[in-house]
C-alpha atoms as a PDB file:
ATOM      1  CA  MET A   1     105.414 145.240 109.250  1.00  0.00           C
ATOM      2  CA  LYS A   2     105.577 142.241 106.641  1.00  0.00           C
ATOM      3  CA  HIS A   3     103.515 142.117 103.584  1.00  0.00           C
ATOM      4  CA  VAL A   4     101.974 139.332 102.022  1.00  0.00           C
ATOM      5  CA  LEU A   5     101.951 140.097  98.327  1.00  0.00           C
ATOM      6  CA  SER A   6     102.871 136.845  96.588  1.00  0.00           C
ATOM      7  CA  ALA A   7     104.064 133.062  97.104  1.00  0.00           C
ATOM      8  CA  LYS A   8     107.623 134.047  95.512  1.00  0.00           C
ATOM      9  CA  GLN A   9     108.629 135.829  98.935  1.00  0.00           C
ATOM     10  CA  TYR A  10     108.783 132.501 100.342  1.00  0.00           C
ATOM     11  CA  ASN A  11     111.100 129.611 100.929  1.00  0.00           C
ATOM     12  CA  ARG A  12     111.057 126.499 103.017  1.00  0.00           C
ATOM     13  CA  GLU A  13     112.599 128.064 105.985  1.00  0.00           C
ATOM     14  CA  SER A  14     109.585 130.828 105.424  1.00  0.00           C
ATOM     15  CA  LEU A  15     107.278 128.065 104.978  1.00  0.00           C
ATOM     16  CA  GLU A  16     107.801 125.614 108.254  1.00  0.00           C
ATOM     17  CA  GLU A  17     108.001 129.143 110.375  1.00  0.00           C
ATOM     18  CA  LEU A  18     104.415 130.086 109.025  1.00  0.00           C
ATOM     19  CA  PHE A  19     103.167 126.496 109.632  1.00  0.00           C
ATOM     20  CA  GLN A  20     104.751 125.817 112.660  1.00  0.00           C
ATOM     21  CA  LEU A  21     102.910 128.915 114.249  1.00  0.00           C
ATOM     22  CA  THR A  22      99.984 127.816 112.725  1.00  0.00           C
ATOM     23  CA  ASP A  23      99.794 124.328 114.360  1.00  0.00           C
ATOM     24  CA  ASP A  24     100.530 126.691 117.764  1.00  0.00           C
ATOM     25  CA  ILE A  25      97.490 128.933 116.768  1.00  0.00           C
ATOM     26  CA  LYS A  26      95.237 125.926 115.928  1.00  0.00           C
ATOM     27  CA  ASN A  27      96.291 123.710 119.394  1.00  0.00           C
ATOM     28  CA  ASN A  28      96.673 127.096 121.600  1.00  0.00           C
ATOM     29  CA  PRO A  29      93.978 129.732 120.522  1.00  0.00           C
ATOM     30  CA  GLN A  30      93.902 131.390 123.660  1.00  0.00           C
ATOM     31  CA  LYS A  31      97.531 132.333 123.549  1.00  0.00           C
ATOM     32  CA  TYR A  32      96.934 134.070 120.514  1.00  0.00           C
ATOM     33  CA  ALA A  33      93.952 136.082 121.732  1.00  0.00           C
ATOM     34  CA  LYS A  34      95.522 139.405 122.607  1.00  0.00           C
ATOM     35  CA  THR A  35      97.809 139.472 119.961  1.00  0.00           C
ATOM     36  CA  LEU A  36      95.838 142.094 117.649  1.00  0.00           C
ATOM     37  CA  GLU A  37      94.005 144.036 120.353  1.00  0.00           C
ATOM     38  CA  GLY A  38      93.874 147.576 119.631  1.00  0.00           C
ATOM     39  CA  LYS A  39      94.651 146.651 115.937  1.00  0.00           C
ATOM     40  CA  ILE A  40      92.081 147.634 113.182  1.00  0.00           C
ATOM     41  CA  VAL A  41      92.620 146.033 109.744  1.00  0.00           C
ATOM     42  CA  ALA A  42      90.585 146.981 106.461  1.00  0.00           C
ATOM     43  CA  VAL A  43      89.840 144.446 104.188  1.00  0.00           C
ATOM     44  CA  MET A  44      88.883 146.027 100.779  1.00  0.00           C
ATOM     45  CA  PHE A  45      87.384 143.403  98.018  1.00  0.00           C
ATOM     46  CA  TYR A  46      86.778 144.156  94.499  1.00  0.00           C
ATOM     47  CA  GLU A  47      85.724 140.691  93.622  1.00  0.00           C
ATOM     48  CA  PRO A  48      83.109 138.206  95.313  1.00  0.00           C
ATOM     49  CA  SER A  49      84.588 136.382  97.995  1.00  0.00           C
ATOM     50  CA  THR A  50      82.663 133.929 100.874  1.00  0.00           C
ATOM     51  CA  ARG A  51      85.926 132.260 102.417  1.00  0.00           C
ATOM     52  CA  THR A  52      88.631 134.591 101.855  1.00  0.00           C
ATOM     53  CA  ARG A  53      86.840 137.415 103.317  1.00  0.00           C
ATOM     54  CA  MET A  54      85.026 136.141 106.199  1.00  0.00           C
ATOM     55  CA  SER A  55      88.298 134.020 107.271  1.00  0.00           C
ATOM     56  CA  PHE A  56      90.367 137.004 107.136  1.00  0.00           C
ATOM     57  CA  GLN A  57      87.559 139.058 108.951  1.00  0.00           C
ATOM     58  CA  THR A  58      87.255 135.852 111.615  1.00  0.00           C
ATOM     59  CA  ALA A  59      90.814 135.877 111.551  1.00  0.00           C
ATOM     60  CA  VAL A  60      91.421 139.147 113.144  1.00  0.00           C
ATOM     61  CA  LEU A  61      88.638 139.366 115.188  1.00  0.00           C
ATOM     62  CA  LYS A  62      89.804 135.532 117.141  1.00  0.00           C
ATOM     63  CA  LEU A  63      93.264 137.771 117.630  1.00  0.00           C
ATOM     64  CA  GLY A  64      91.415 140.397 119.320  1.00  0.00           C
ATOM     65  CA  GLY A  65      91.244 142.886 116.556  1.00  0.00           C
ATOM     66  CA  GLN A  66      88.952 144.685 115.008  1.00  0.00           C
ATOM     67  CA  VAL A  67      87.563 144.956 111.094  1.00  0.00           C
ATOM     68  CA  ILE A  68      86.398 147.870 108.948  1.00  0.00           C
ATOM     69  CA  ALA A  69      85.486 145.975 105.793  1.00  0.00           C
ATOM     70  CA  THR A  70      83.828 146.438 101.871  1.00  0.00           C
ATOM     71  CA  GLU A  71      82.880 143.851 100.634  1.00  0.00           C
ATOM     72  CA  ASN A  72      81.666 144.991  97.003  1.00  0.00           C
ATOM     73  CA  ALA A  73      84.146 147.733  96.538  1.00  0.00           C
ATOM     74  CA  SER A  74      84.273 147.887  93.066  1.00  0.00           C
ATOM     75  CA  SER A  75      80.908 149.074  93.356  1.00  0.00           C
ATOM     76  CA  ASN A  76      80.734 150.526  97.150  1.00  0.00           C
ATOM     77  CA  SER A  77      84.002 152.732  97.238  1.00  0.00           C
ATOM     78  CA  SER A  78      85.435 155.494  95.431  1.00  0.00           C
ATOM     79  CA  GLY A  79      87.132 153.196  92.931  1.00  0.00           C
ATOM     80  CA  LYS A  80      83.848 153.140  91.289  1.00  0.00           C
ATOM     81  CA  LYS A  81      84.392 157.230  90.687  1.00  0.00           C
ATOM     82  CA  GLY A  82      87.860 156.625  89.437  1.00  0.00           C
ATOM     83  CA  GLU A  83      90.051 156.466  92.683  1.00  0.00           C
ATOM     84  CA  THR A  84      93.108 154.678  91.954  1.00  0.00           C
ATOM     85  CA  LEU A  85      94.165 152.010  93.718  1.00  0.00           C
ATOM     86  CA  GLU A  86      97.499 153.663  95.327  1.00  0.00           C
ATOM     87  CA  ASP A  87      95.167 156.696  96.453  1.00  0.00           C
ATOM     88  CA  THR A  88      92.895 154.256  97.812  1.00  0.00           C
ATOM     89  CA  VAL A  89      96.037 152.475 100.273  1.00  0.00           C
ATOM     90  CA  LYS A  90      97.339 155.869 100.800  1.00  0.00           C
ATOM     91  CA  ILE A  91      93.414 156.726 102.575  1.00  0.00           C
ATOM     92  CA  LEU A  92      92.893 153.518 104.038  1.00  0.00           C
ATOM     93  CA  GLN A  93      96.268 153.638 105.969  1.00  0.00           C
ATOM     94  CA  GLY A  94      95.124 156.389 108.104  1.00  0.00           C
ATOM     95  CA  TYR A  95      92.171 154.568 109.596  1.00  0.00           C
ATOM     96  CA  ALA A  96      93.576 150.508 109.587  1.00  0.00           C
ATOM     97  CA  ASP A  97      96.518 149.311 110.636  1.00  0.00           C
ATOM     98  CA  ALA A  98      96.807 146.512 108.304  1.00  0.00           C
ATOM     99  CA  ILE A  99      94.631 146.131 104.529  1.00  0.00           C
ATOM    100  CA  VAL A 100      93.524 143.548 103.038  1.00  0.00           C
ATOM    101  CA  ILE A 101      92.513 143.457  99.248  1.00  0.00           C
ATOM    102  CA  ARG A 102      91.133 141.412  96.369  1.00  0.00           C
ATOM    103  CA  HIS A 103      91.642 142.729  93.232  1.00  0.00           C
ATOM    104  CA  SER A 104      90.645 142.001  89.642  1.00  0.00           C
ATOM    105  CA  SER A 105      94.112 143.454  88.508  1.00  0.00           C
ATOM    106  CA  GLU A 106      97.461 141.339  88.590  1.00  0.00           C
ATOM    107  CA  THR A 107      99.706 144.056  89.474  1.00  0.00           C
ATOM    108  CA  MET A 108      97.479 144.790  92.529  1.00  0.00           C
ATOM    109  CA  PRO A 109     100.059 143.572  95.288  1.00  0.00           C
ATOM    110  CA  GLU A 110     102.554 145.541  93.929  1.00  0.00           C
ATOM    111  CA  GLU A 111     100.814 148.933  93.726  1.00  0.00           C
ATOM    112  CA  ALA A 112      99.153 148.589  96.819  1.00  0.00           C
ATOM    113  CA  ALA A 113     102.517 148.146  98.633  1.00  0.00           C
ATOM    114  CA  SER A 114     104.423 150.365  96.787  1.00  0.00           C
ATOM    115  CA  VAL A 115     102.633 153.390  98.700  1.00  0.00           C
ATOM    116  CA  ALA A 116     101.748 151.495 101.470  1.00  0.00           C
ATOM    117  CA  LYS A 117     103.236 152.149 105.481  1.00  0.00           C
ATOM    118  CA  VAL A 118     100.994 149.463 106.670  1.00  0.00           C
ATOM    119  CA  PRO A 119     101.096 145.593 105.854  1.00  0.00           C
ATOM    120  CA  ILE A 120      99.621 144.769 102.966  1.00  0.00           C
ATOM    121  CA  LEU A 121      97.977 141.598 102.386  1.00  0.00           C
ATOM    122  CA  ASN A 122      97.370 140.219  98.652  1.00  0.00           C
ATOM    123  CA  ALA A 123      93.898 138.162  99.048  1.00  0.00           C
ATOM    124  CA  GLY A 124      93.739 137.598  95.451  1.00  0.00           C
ATOM    125  CA  ALA A 125      95.066 139.754  92.415  1.00  0.00           C
ATOM    126  CA  GLY A 126      92.971 138.627  88.840  1.00  0.00           C
ATOM    127  CA  LYS A 127      94.482 135.898  87.528  1.00  0.00           C
ATOM    128  CA  GLY A 128      98.335 136.208  88.667  1.00  0.00           C
ATOM    129  CA  GLU A 129      98.254 134.991  92.272  1.00  0.00           C
ATOM    130  CA  HIS A 130      96.015 134.058  95.365  1.00  0.00           C
ATOM    131  CA  PRO A 131      99.271 133.066  97.997  1.00  0.00           C
ATOM    132  CA  THR A 132      97.449 132.965 101.020  1.00  0.00           C
ATOM    133  CA  GLN A 133      95.613 130.243  99.331  1.00  0.00           C
ATOM    134  CA  ALA A 134      98.289 128.334  98.617  1.00  0.00           C
ATOM    135  CA  LEU A 135      99.876 128.393 102.016  1.00  0.00           C
ATOM    136  CA  LEU A 136      96.778 127.001 103.127  1.00  0.00           C
ATOM    137  CA  ASP A 137      96.432 124.410 100.510  1.00  0.00           C
ATOM    138  CA  LEU A 138     100.130 123.391 101.403  1.00  0.00           C
ATOM    139  CA  TYR A 139      99.125 123.424 104.927  1.00  0.00           C
ATOM    140  CA  THR A 140      96.647 120.918 104.520  1.00  0.00           C
ATOM    141  CA  ILE A 141      98.799 118.804 102.599  1.00  0.00           C
ATOM    142  CA  ARG A 142     101.599 118.453 104.887  1.00  0.00           C
ATOM    143  CA  GLU A 143      99.235 118.257 108.303  1.00  0.00           C
ATOM    144  CA  TYR A 144      97.999 115.608 106.317  1.00  0.00           C
ATOM    145  CA  ARG A 145     101.198 113.898 104.989  1.00  0.00           C
ATOM    146  CA  LYS A 146     103.691 115.377 107.316  1.00  0.00           C
ATOM    147  CA  THR A 147     106.110 116.077 105.144  1.00  0.00           C
ATOM    148  CA  LEU A 148     105.750 117.823 101.916  1.00  0.00           C
ATOM    149  CA  ASP A 149     108.825 116.316 100.186  1.00  0.00           C
ATOM    150  CA  GLY A 150     107.871 113.507  97.286  1.00  0.00           C
ATOM    151  CA  VAL A 151     104.210 114.645  97.097  1.00  0.00           C
ATOM    152  CA  LYS A 152     102.872 113.016  93.724  1.00  0.00           C
ATOM    153  CA  ILE A 153     100.190 115.806  92.988  1.00  0.00           C
ATOM    154  CA  ALA A 154      97.461 116.278  90.189  1.00  0.00           C
ATOM    155  CA  ILE A 155      96.331 119.680  89.242  1.00  0.00           C
ATOM    156  CA  LEU A 156      93.159 119.648  87.305  1.00  0.00           C
ATOM    157  CA  GLY A 157      90.539 122.043  85.721  1.00  0.00           C
ATOM    158  CA  ASP A 158      91.176 125.735  84.714  1.00  0.00           C
ATOM    159  CA  LEU A 159      95.073 125.789  85.221  1.00  0.00           C
ATOM    160  CA  LEU A 160      95.174 128.828  83.094  1.00  0.00           C
ATOM    161  CA  ASN A 161      92.830 131.409  84.678  1.00  0.00           C
ATOM    162  CA  GLY A 162      93.132 129.326  88.503  1.00  0.00           C
ATOM    163  CA  ARG A 163      95.195 132.058  89.943  1.00  0.00           C
ATOM    164  CA  THR A 164      95.227 129.412  93.168  1.00  0.00           C
ATOM    165  CA  ILE A 165      97.223 126.667  90.886  1.00  0.00           C
ATOM    166  CA  HIS A 166      99.478 129.198  89.648  1.00  0.00           C
ATOM    167  CA  SER A 167     100.616 130.448  93.653  1.00  0.00           C
ATOM    168  CA  LEU A 168     100.250 126.608  94.689  1.00  0.00           C
ATOM    169  CA  LEU A 169     103.115 125.526  92.005  1.00  0.00           C
ATOM    170  CA  ARG A 170     105.468 128.393  93.090  1.00  0.00           C
ATOM    171  CA  LEU A 171     105.236 126.873  96.327  1.00  0.00           C
ATOM    172  CA  ILE A 172     105.521 123.375  95.875  1.00  0.00           C
ATOM    173  CA  ARG A 173     108.409 123.525  93.550  1.00  0.00           C
ATOM    174  CA  LEU A 174     110.298 124.295  96.696  1.00  0.00           C
ATOM    175  CA  TYR A 175     110.206 120.611  97.795  1.00  0.00           C
ATOM    176  CA  GLU A 176     112.352 117.410  96.935  1.00  0.00           C
ATOM    177  CA  ASN A 177     110.849 114.823  94.366  1.00  0.00           C
ATOM    178  CA  VAL A 178     108.091 116.452  93.708  1.00  0.00           C
ATOM    179  CA  GLU A 179     105.485 114.653  91.022  1.00  0.00           C
ATOM    180  CA  VAL A 180     103.027 117.140  89.135  1.00  0.00           C
ATOM    181  CA  TYR A 181     100.630 115.934  86.614  1.00  0.00           C
ATOM    182  CA  GLY A 182      97.998 118.481  85.368  1.00  0.00           C
ATOM    183  CA  LEU A 183      94.576 117.208  83.303  1.00  0.00           C
ATOM    184  CA  SER A 184      92.324 120.024  81.632  1.00  0.00           C
ATOM    185  CA  LYS A 185      90.968 120.872  78.716  1.00  0.00           C
ATOM    186  CA  SER A 186      93.506 122.227  76.042  1.00  0.00           C
ATOM    187  CA  CYS A 187      91.950 125.854  76.576  1.00  0.00           C
ATOM    188  CA  PHE A 188      92.854 125.795  80.189  1.00  0.00           C
ATOM    189  CA  ALA A 189      95.864 124.534  80.097  1.00  0.00           C
ATOM    190  CA  LEU A 190      98.936 125.297  82.402  1.00  0.00           C
ATOM    191  CA  PRO A 191     101.017 128.345  80.690  1.00  0.00           C
ATOM    192  CA  GLN A 192     104.303 127.294  80.018  1.00  0.00           C
ATOM    193  CA  GLU A 193     105.627 130.028  82.455  1.00  0.00           C
ATOM    194  CA  TYR A 194     104.901 127.259  85.420  1.00  0.00           C
ATOM    195  CA  ILE A 195     105.976 124.739  83.401  1.00  0.00           C
ATOM    196  CA  ASP A 196     109.358 126.382  82.977  1.00  0.00           C
ATOM    197  CA  LEU A 197     109.286 127.038  86.847  1.00  0.00           C
ATOM    198  CA  LEU A 198     108.552 123.628  87.591  1.00  0.00           C
ATOM    199  CA  SER A 199     111.557 122.243  85.170  1.00  0.00           C
ATOM    200  CA  GLN A 200     114.208 125.005  86.717  1.00  0.00           C
ATOM    201  CA  ARG A 201     113.811 122.849  90.167  1.00  0.00           C
ATOM    202  CA  GLY A 202     113.887 119.581  87.946  1.00  0.00           C
ATOM    203  CA  ILE A 203     110.105 118.830  88.142  1.00  0.00           C
ATOM    204  CA  THR A 204     108.639 117.446  85.306  1.00  0.00           C
ATOM    205  CA  TYR A 205     105.331 118.488  84.339  1.00  0.00           C
ATOM    206  CA  LYS A 206     103.273 115.420  83.124  1.00  0.00           C
ATOM    207  CA  LYS A 207     100.323 116.701  81.112  1.00  0.00           C
ATOM    208  CA  CYS A 208      97.382 113.783  80.931  1.00  0.00           C
ATOM    209  CA  ASN A 209      94.607 113.142  78.405  1.00  0.00           C
ATOM    210  CA  SER A 210      92.288 111.412  81.107  1.00  0.00           C
ATOM    211  CA  PHE A 211      91.774 110.300  84.758  1.00  0.00           C
ATOM    212  CA  ALA A 212      93.631 106.926  83.393  1.00  0.00           C
ATOM    213  CA  ASP A 213      96.744 109.153  82.824  1.00  0.00           C
ATOM    214  CA  ILE A 214      97.280 110.167  86.464  1.00  0.00           C
ATOM    215  CA  PRO A 215      98.969 107.671  88.893  1.00  0.00           C
ATOM    216  CA  LYS A 216      96.680 105.571  91.191  1.00  0.00           C
ATOM    217  CA  ASP A 217      98.744 106.438  94.256  1.00  0.00           C
ATOM    218  CA  VAL A 218      98.909 110.309  93.738  1.00  0.00           C
ATOM    219  CA  ASP A 219      99.178 112.144  96.843  1.00  0.00           C
ATOM    220  CA  VAL A 220      96.870 114.674  95.972  1.00  0.00           C
ATOM    221  CA  MET A 221      93.871 115.690  93.183  1.00  0.00           C
ATOM    222  CA  TYR A 222      93.637 119.379  93.191  1.00  0.00           C
ATOM    223  CA  HIS A 223      90.667 120.263  91.632  1.00  0.00           C
ATOM    224  CA  THR A 224      89.474 124.060  90.878  1.00  0.00           C
ATOM    225  CA  ARG A 225      86.304 125.534  88.846  1.00  0.00           C
ATOM    226  CA  ILE A 226      86.389 127.077  85.195  1.00  0.00           C
ATOM    227  CA  GLN A 227      87.183 130.732  85.978  1.00  0.00           C
ATOM    228  CA  SER A 228      84.434 131.817  84.043  1.00  0.00           C
ATOM    229  CA  GLU A 229      84.983 135.653  85.392  1.00  0.00           C
ATOM    230  CA  ARG A 230      88.031 135.807  83.775  1.00  0.00           C
ATOM    231  CA  PHE A 231      87.151 135.124  79.861  1.00  0.00           C
ATOM    232  CA  GLU A 232      84.520 135.966  77.778  1.00  0.00           C
ATOM    233  CA  GLY A 233      82.552 133.056  75.725  1.00  0.00           C
ATOM    234  CA  ASP A 234      81.346 129.788  76.474  1.00  0.00           C
ATOM    235  CA  PHE A 235      83.922 127.081  76.870  1.00  0.00           C
ATOM    236  CA  GLY A 236      81.198 125.023  78.155  1.00  0.00           C
ATOM    237  CA  LYS A 237      81.013 122.257  81.357  1.00  0.00           C
ATOM    238  CA  GLU A 238      83.782 120.822  83.107  1.00  0.00           C
ATOM    239  CA  GLU A 239      85.196 117.431  81.676  1.00  0.00           C
ATOM    240  CA  PHE A 240      86.900 116.065  84.000  1.00  0.00           C
ATOM    241  CA  ILE A 241      84.672 115.341  87.357  1.00  0.00           C
ATOM    242  CA  ILE A 242      85.702 114.020  90.602  1.00  0.00           C
ATOM    243  CA  ASN A 243      82.680 111.597  91.640  1.00  0.00           C
ATOM    244  CA  GLN A 244      82.861 108.555  93.652  1.00  0.00           C
ATOM    245  CA  GLU A 245      83.655 105.858  90.752  1.00  0.00           C
ATOM    246  CA  VAL A 246      86.511 108.161  89.281  1.00  0.00           C
ATOM    247  CA  LEU A 247      87.909 108.543  93.412  1.00  0.00           C
ATOM    248  CA  ASN A 248      87.642 104.663  93.523  1.00  0.00           C
ATOM    249  CA  GLN A 249      89.744 104.363  91.164  1.00  0.00           C
ATOM    250  CA  PHE A 250      92.772 105.536  93.298  1.00  0.00           C
ATOM    251  CA  SER A 251      94.643 105.241  96.808  1.00  0.00           C
ATOM    252  CA  ASP A 252      93.096 105.465  99.821  1.00  0.00           C
ATOM    253  CA  HIS A 253      95.347 107.921 100.678  1.00  0.00           C
ATOM    254  CA  THR A 254      94.775 110.285  97.732  1.00  0.00           C
ATOM    255  CA  ILE A 255      92.954 113.513  99.266  1.00  0.00           C
ATOM    256  CA  VAL A 256      90.964 115.652  96.830  1.00  0.00           C
ATOM    257  CA  LEU A 257      91.557 119.370  97.858  1.00  0.00           C
ATOM    258  CA  HIS A 258      89.657 122.531  96.190  1.00  0.00           C
ATOM    259  CA  PRO A 259      89.747 125.873  97.165  1.00  0.00           C
ATOM    260  CA  LEU A 260      85.855 126.188  96.546  1.00  0.00           C
ATOM    261  CA  PRO A 261      83.646 127.732  95.505  1.00  0.00           C
ATOM    262  CA  ARG A 262      82.980 124.342  93.494  1.00  0.00           C
ATOM    263  CA  VAL A 263      80.296 124.224  90.305  1.00  0.00           C
ATOM    264  CA  ASP A 264      80.351 120.285  88.836  1.00  0.00           C
ATOM    265  CA  GLU A 265      83.468 119.358  89.190  1.00  0.00           C
ATOM    266  CA  ILE A 266      83.735 117.754  92.268  1.00  0.00           C
ATOM    267  CA  SER A 267      80.670 115.324  93.033  1.00  0.00           C
ATOM    268  CA  THR A 268      78.632 115.931  96.377  1.00  0.00           C
ATOM    269  CA  ASP A 269      78.412 112.004  96.317  1.00  0.00           C
ATOM    270  CA  ILE A 270      82.448 112.104  97.695  1.00  0.00           C
ATOM    271  CA  ASP A 271      81.725 114.608 100.137  1.00  0.00           C
ATOM    272  CA  ASP A 272      81.448 112.374 103.346  1.00  0.00           C
ATOM    273  CA  ASP A 273      84.387 110.354 101.476  1.00  0.00           C
ATOM    274  CA  PRO A 274      87.459 110.826 104.384  1.00  0.00           C
ATOM    275  CA  ARG A 275      89.657 111.674 101.290  1.00  0.00           C
ATOM    276  CA  ALA A 276      87.311 114.705 100.581  1.00  0.00           C
ATOM    277  CA  MET A 277      89.501 117.576 102.479  1.00  0.00           C
ATOM    278  CA  TYR A 278      87.909 120.621 100.579  1.00  0.00           C
ATOM    279  CA  PHE A 279      85.966 122.015 103.814  1.00  0.00           C
ATOM    280  CA  LYS A 280      88.605 121.014 106.208  1.00  0.00           C
ATOM    281  CA  GLN A 281      91.066 122.521 103.801  1.00  0.00           C
ATOM    282  CA  ALA A 282      88.880 126.000 104.067  1.00  0.00           C
ATOM    283  CA  HIS A 283      89.107 125.715 107.459  1.00  0.00           C
ATOM    284  CA  ASN A 284      92.436 125.830 107.880  1.00  0.00           C
ATOM    285  CA  GLY A 285      92.152 128.927 105.854  1.00  0.00           C
ATOM    286  CA  LEU A 286      91.632 130.866 108.868  1.00  0.00           C
ATOM    287  CA  PHE A 287      94.898 129.258 110.946  1.00  0.00           C
ATOM    288  CA  VAL A 288      96.887 130.038 108.196  1.00  0.00           C
ATOM    289  CA  ARG A 289      95.852 133.764 108.212  1.00  0.00           C
ATOM    290  CA  MET A 290      95.769 134.558 111.841  1.00  0.00           C
ATOM    291  CA  GLY A 291      99.321 133.141 111.541  1.00  0.00           C
ATOM    292  CA  LEU A 292      99.791 135.462 108.821  1.00  0.00           C
ATOM    293  CA  PHE A 293      98.496 138.630 111.199  1.00  0.00           C
ATOM    294  CA  VAL A 294     101.010 137.439 113.835  1.00  0.00           C
ATOM    295  CA  GLN A 295     103.920 137.596 111.610  1.00  0.00           C
ATOM    296  CA  ALA A 296     102.391 141.088 109.753  1.00  0.00           C
ATOM    297  CA  PHE A 297     102.937 142.648 113.264  1.00  0.00           C
ATOM    298  CA  GLU A 298     105.702 140.879 114.727  1.00  0.00           C
ATOM    299  CA  GLU A 299     109.132 143.445 116.180  1.00  0.00           C
ATOM    300  CA  LYS A 300     111.965 142.215 114.852  1.00  0.00           C
END
């Protein structure tokens, strides 16, 4: 049994093991078509989702397993009646062989795992972490660059509440000669704890005030939407929008990633630009999550 709770649980060796497995699944899907035969996976989403929920469910089906799911568990489960997450997990593990959970609480992964006798996969926990998204993000960068050492990455948008950013930084710091640039409104600045995490690995976080401050040869521009569901009040629209004019200021090898959904931070006029890889990124999520299920049920 192997939980997927946080990016903290990975090192370079375990990441490469997952990525090699993902490569094999992507190239030889039939080899894994019966891996979850006879297994049932419960998918409990207390918050909205398209890509994460449906790619997890598709991953189970492509591996030969079955799914039981609630897509609006905050309203359509006993959680609305006051049932604790721990009690929900204790019940579900009597029905399913693994549980995928998205929840508004940052402490959800630890709470669920503390009582679980089946694998728990964190599909997003409040504004804390979203480890499987970070894994597919890193896989996409690796697939394109062939290596993650020496990567120059610019993170943009809501760096304060963006859990995908938080998990990605925990993983990217494991590699050598990494450069990280941040561009956001001051009210959405990256929390100091993540700047400190980078610093502990000798990575200097460079705060930017405009696109002009980002090196033109940056490898990745990773944008995120304003996480309006994580705060009260109106902080306006995104100021730093990647459109064709902006993208053309950067190198031919600069790719654009986004965990999606986008709002107005990436213009549709770059969708056909080969550097716009957010749809391929989303599709890679299926194969990475298939890999995570394979690992979750490996006998070791």
